[in-house]
N, C-alpha and C. Protein backbone atom coordinates (compact mmCIF):
# COMPACT_ATOMS: atom_id res chain seq x y z
N MET A 1 103.14 122.38 0.82
CA MET A 1 101.98 121.78 1.48
C MET A 1 102.36 121.27 2.87
N SER A 2 103.56 120.79 3.05
CA SER A 2 103.94 120.24 4.35
C SER A 2 104.18 121.34 5.38
N GLN A 3 104.51 122.54 4.96
CA GLN A 3 104.72 123.66 5.89
C GLN A 3 103.46 123.97 6.70
N PRO A 4 102.29 124.14 6.07
CA PRO A 4 101.09 124.42 6.87
C PRO A 4 100.72 123.25 7.80
N LEU A 5 100.88 122.01 7.33
CA LEU A 5 100.56 120.87 8.17
C LEU A 5 101.49 120.79 9.38
N THR A 6 102.74 121.10 9.17
CA THR A 6 103.71 121.10 10.27
C THR A 6 103.36 122.17 11.29
N ARG A 7 102.94 123.33 10.80
CA ARG A 7 102.57 124.42 11.71
C ARG A 7 101.31 124.08 12.51
N VAL A 8 100.34 123.46 11.86
CA VAL A 8 99.12 123.06 12.56
C VAL A 8 99.45 122.01 13.62
N TYR A 9 100.26 121.02 13.26
CA TYR A 9 100.65 119.98 14.21
C TYR A 9 101.38 120.60 15.40
N ALA A 10 102.31 121.50 15.14
CA ALA A 10 103.07 122.14 16.23
C ALA A 10 102.15 122.97 17.12
N PHE A 11 101.17 123.63 16.52
CA PHE A 11 100.21 124.43 17.29
C PHE A 11 99.46 123.57 18.29
N TYR A 12 98.90 122.44 17.82
CA TYR A 12 98.16 121.57 18.72
C TYR A 12 99.06 120.86 19.73
N ARG A 13 100.24 120.45 19.30
CA ARG A 13 101.18 119.79 20.22
C ARG A 13 101.55 120.72 21.37
N ASN A 14 101.88 121.95 21.05
CA ASN A 14 102.25 122.92 22.10
C ASN A 14 101.05 123.25 22.99
N GLY A 15 99.88 123.32 22.40
CA GLY A 15 98.68 123.61 23.18
C GLY A 15 98.37 122.50 24.17
N PHE A 16 98.48 121.23 23.74
CA PHE A 16 98.20 120.12 24.65
C PHE A 16 99.27 119.99 25.72
N ARG A 17 100.49 120.35 25.41
CA ARG A 17 101.56 120.26 26.41
C ARG A 17 101.35 121.25 27.55
N SER A 18 100.82 122.43 27.22
CA SER A 18 100.70 123.46 28.25
C SER A 18 99.36 123.41 28.99
N MET A 19 98.48 122.48 28.66
CA MET A 19 97.19 122.37 29.33
C MET A 19 97.37 121.82 30.75
N THR A 20 96.58 122.32 31.66
CA THR A 20 96.55 121.73 33.00
C THR A 20 95.15 121.18 33.27
N VAL A 21 94.15 122.02 33.21
CA VAL A 21 92.77 121.58 33.43
C VAL A 21 92.30 120.75 32.24
N GLY A 22 92.75 121.09 31.06
CA GLY A 22 92.33 120.39 29.85
C GLY A 22 92.68 118.91 29.86
N LYS A 23 93.83 118.57 30.43
CA LYS A 23 94.22 117.16 30.51
C LYS A 23 93.24 116.37 31.36
N THR A 24 92.82 116.96 32.46
CA THR A 24 91.84 116.31 33.32
C THR A 24 90.51 116.16 32.61
N LEU A 25 90.10 117.17 31.88
CA LEU A 25 88.84 117.10 31.13
C LEU A 25 88.90 116.03 30.04
N TRP A 26 90.03 115.91 29.36
CA TRP A 26 90.17 114.87 28.33
C TRP A 26 90.12 113.49 28.96
N LYS A 27 90.69 113.33 30.15
CA LYS A 27 90.60 112.03 30.84
C LYS A 27 89.16 111.70 31.17
N ILE A 28 88.40 112.69 31.63
CA ILE A 28 86.98 112.47 31.95
C ILE A 28 86.21 112.09 30.69
N ILE A 29 86.48 112.77 29.59
CA ILE A 29 85.81 112.46 28.32
C ILE A 29 86.12 111.04 27.88
N LEU A 30 87.37 110.62 27.97
CA LEU A 30 87.74 109.27 27.56
C LEU A 30 87.10 108.21 28.45
N ILE A 31 87.02 108.48 29.74
CA ILE A 31 86.36 107.52 30.65
C ILE A 31 84.87 107.42 30.32
N LYS A 32 84.22 108.55 30.04
CA LYS A 32 82.81 108.52 29.68
C LYS A 32 82.58 107.75 28.39
N LEU A 33 83.45 107.94 27.41
CA LEU A 33 83.33 107.20 26.15
C LEU A 33 83.51 105.70 26.38
N LEU A 34 84.46 105.34 27.21
CA LEU A 34 84.68 103.94 27.53
C LEU A 34 83.43 103.34 28.16
N VAL A 35 82.83 104.06 29.09
CA VAL A 35 81.61 103.57 29.73
C VAL A 35 80.49 103.44 28.72
N MET A 36 80.32 104.45 27.89
CA MET A 36 79.21 104.41 26.92
C MET A 36 79.35 103.28 25.92
N PHE A 37 80.53 103.10 25.36
CA PHE A 37 80.67 102.14 24.27
C PHE A 37 81.02 100.74 24.73
N ALA A 38 81.69 100.59 25.83
CA ALA A 38 82.09 99.25 26.27
C ALA A 38 81.09 98.65 27.25
N VAL A 39 80.82 99.34 28.32
CA VAL A 39 79.97 98.79 29.37
C VAL A 39 78.52 98.72 28.93
N LEU A 40 77.98 99.78 28.37
CA LEU A 40 76.58 99.77 27.97
C LEU A 40 76.30 98.76 26.86
N LYS A 41 77.27 98.52 26.01
CA LYS A 41 77.10 97.54 24.94
C LYS A 41 76.87 96.14 25.52
N LEU A 42 77.55 95.84 26.58
CA LEU A 42 77.40 94.52 27.20
C LEU A 42 75.99 94.29 27.73
N PHE A 43 75.36 95.35 28.27
CA PHE A 43 74.07 95.18 28.92
C PHE A 43 72.87 95.45 28.02
N PHE A 44 73.01 96.36 27.05
CA PHE A 44 71.85 96.78 26.28
C PHE A 44 71.85 96.31 24.83
N PHE A 45 72.93 95.77 24.34
CA PHE A 45 73.00 95.34 22.95
C PHE A 45 73.50 93.90 22.88
N PRO A 46 72.63 92.94 23.17
CA PRO A 46 73.07 91.54 23.14
C PRO A 46 73.34 91.09 21.71
N ASN A 47 74.10 90.03 21.58
CA ASN A 47 74.44 89.51 20.27
C ASN A 47 73.28 88.64 19.77
N TYR A 48 72.39 89.24 19.02
CA TYR A 48 71.16 88.59 18.56
C TYR A 48 71.46 87.35 17.72
N LEU A 49 72.39 87.47 16.79
CA LEU A 49 72.67 86.35 15.89
C LEU A 49 73.30 85.17 16.63
N LYS A 50 74.19 85.43 17.56
CA LYS A 50 74.84 84.35 18.31
C LYS A 50 73.85 83.59 19.17
N THR A 51 72.89 84.32 19.76
CA THR A 51 71.97 83.67 20.68
C THR A 51 70.81 82.97 19.98
N ASN A 52 70.46 83.39 18.77
CA ASN A 52 69.28 82.83 18.11
C ASN A 52 69.59 81.84 17.00
N PHE A 53 70.84 81.73 16.59
CA PHE A 53 71.21 80.83 15.49
C PHE A 53 72.43 80.03 15.89
N GLN A 54 72.46 78.76 15.45
CA GLN A 54 73.52 77.85 15.87
C GLN A 54 74.78 77.96 15.01
N THR A 55 74.62 78.08 13.69
CA THR A 55 75.77 78.04 12.80
C THR A 55 75.92 79.35 12.04
N ASP A 56 77.10 79.52 11.47
CA ASP A 56 77.35 80.71 10.64
C ASP A 56 76.46 80.72 9.41
N GLU A 57 76.16 79.55 8.88
CA GLU A 57 75.30 79.48 7.70
C GLU A 57 73.89 79.97 8.02
N GLN A 58 73.36 79.58 9.17
CA GLN A 58 72.04 80.06 9.58
C GLN A 58 72.04 81.57 9.79
N ARG A 59 73.09 82.08 10.38
CA ARG A 59 73.20 83.52 10.60
C ARG A 59 73.26 84.26 9.27
N ALA A 60 74.06 83.76 8.34
CA ALA A 60 74.18 84.39 7.03
C ALA A 60 72.85 84.36 6.29
N ASP A 61 72.13 83.25 6.37
CA ASP A 61 70.83 83.14 5.71
C ASP A 61 69.83 84.14 6.31
N HIS A 62 69.85 84.29 7.61
CA HIS A 62 68.94 85.24 8.26
C HIS A 62 69.25 86.67 7.82
N VAL A 63 70.52 87.04 7.81
CA VAL A 63 70.89 88.39 7.41
C VAL A 63 70.51 88.63 5.95
N LEU A 64 70.79 87.67 5.09
CA LEU A 64 70.43 87.82 3.68
C LEU A 64 68.92 87.96 3.50
N GLU A 65 68.17 87.18 4.25
CA GLU A 65 66.71 87.25 4.18
C GLU A 65 66.21 88.63 4.64
N GLN A 66 66.79 89.16 5.70
CA GLN A 66 66.37 90.46 6.21
C GLN A 66 66.74 91.60 5.26
N LEU A 67 67.88 91.47 4.61
CA LEU A 67 68.32 92.52 3.69
C LEU A 67 67.58 92.50 2.36
N SER A 68 67.14 91.33 1.93
CA SER A 68 66.56 91.22 0.60
C SER A 68 65.04 91.06 0.59
N ARG A 69 64.40 91.19 1.72
CA ARG A 69 62.94 91.04 1.72
C ARG A 69 62.31 92.31 1.15
N PRO A 70 61.19 92.16 0.44
CA PRO A 70 60.56 93.32 -0.20
C PRO A 70 59.98 94.28 0.84
N VAL A 71 59.89 95.52 0.44
CA VAL A 71 59.34 96.55 1.30
C VAL A 71 57.82 96.46 1.28
N VAL A 72 57.21 96.46 2.44
CA VAL A 72 55.75 96.42 2.54
C VAL A 72 55.28 97.84 2.79
N GLN A 73 54.41 98.33 1.90
CA GLN A 73 53.90 99.68 2.03
C GLN A 73 52.50 99.65 2.62
N ASN A 74 52.31 100.42 3.66
CA ASN A 74 50.98 100.52 4.28
C ASN A 74 50.24 101.70 3.70
N HIS A 75 49.07 101.45 3.13
CA HIS A 75 48.26 102.54 2.56
C HIS A 75 47.10 102.84 3.42
């Protein structure tokens, strides 16, 4: 079982070592991911529980209430 895994690892390792344009593309991808998940989170996803509740107990009660409230069906 370790022989195929070793061969797959060596295949990808050698492929990434010989890349020239690919390394630049991977850097661009990582920068875009950083922007999407780090920067956008700060501006578009505020911490609702921290801003609307004072204590951890209040936050826990709110979450429990939201998770356990009955489903309202519209007919």
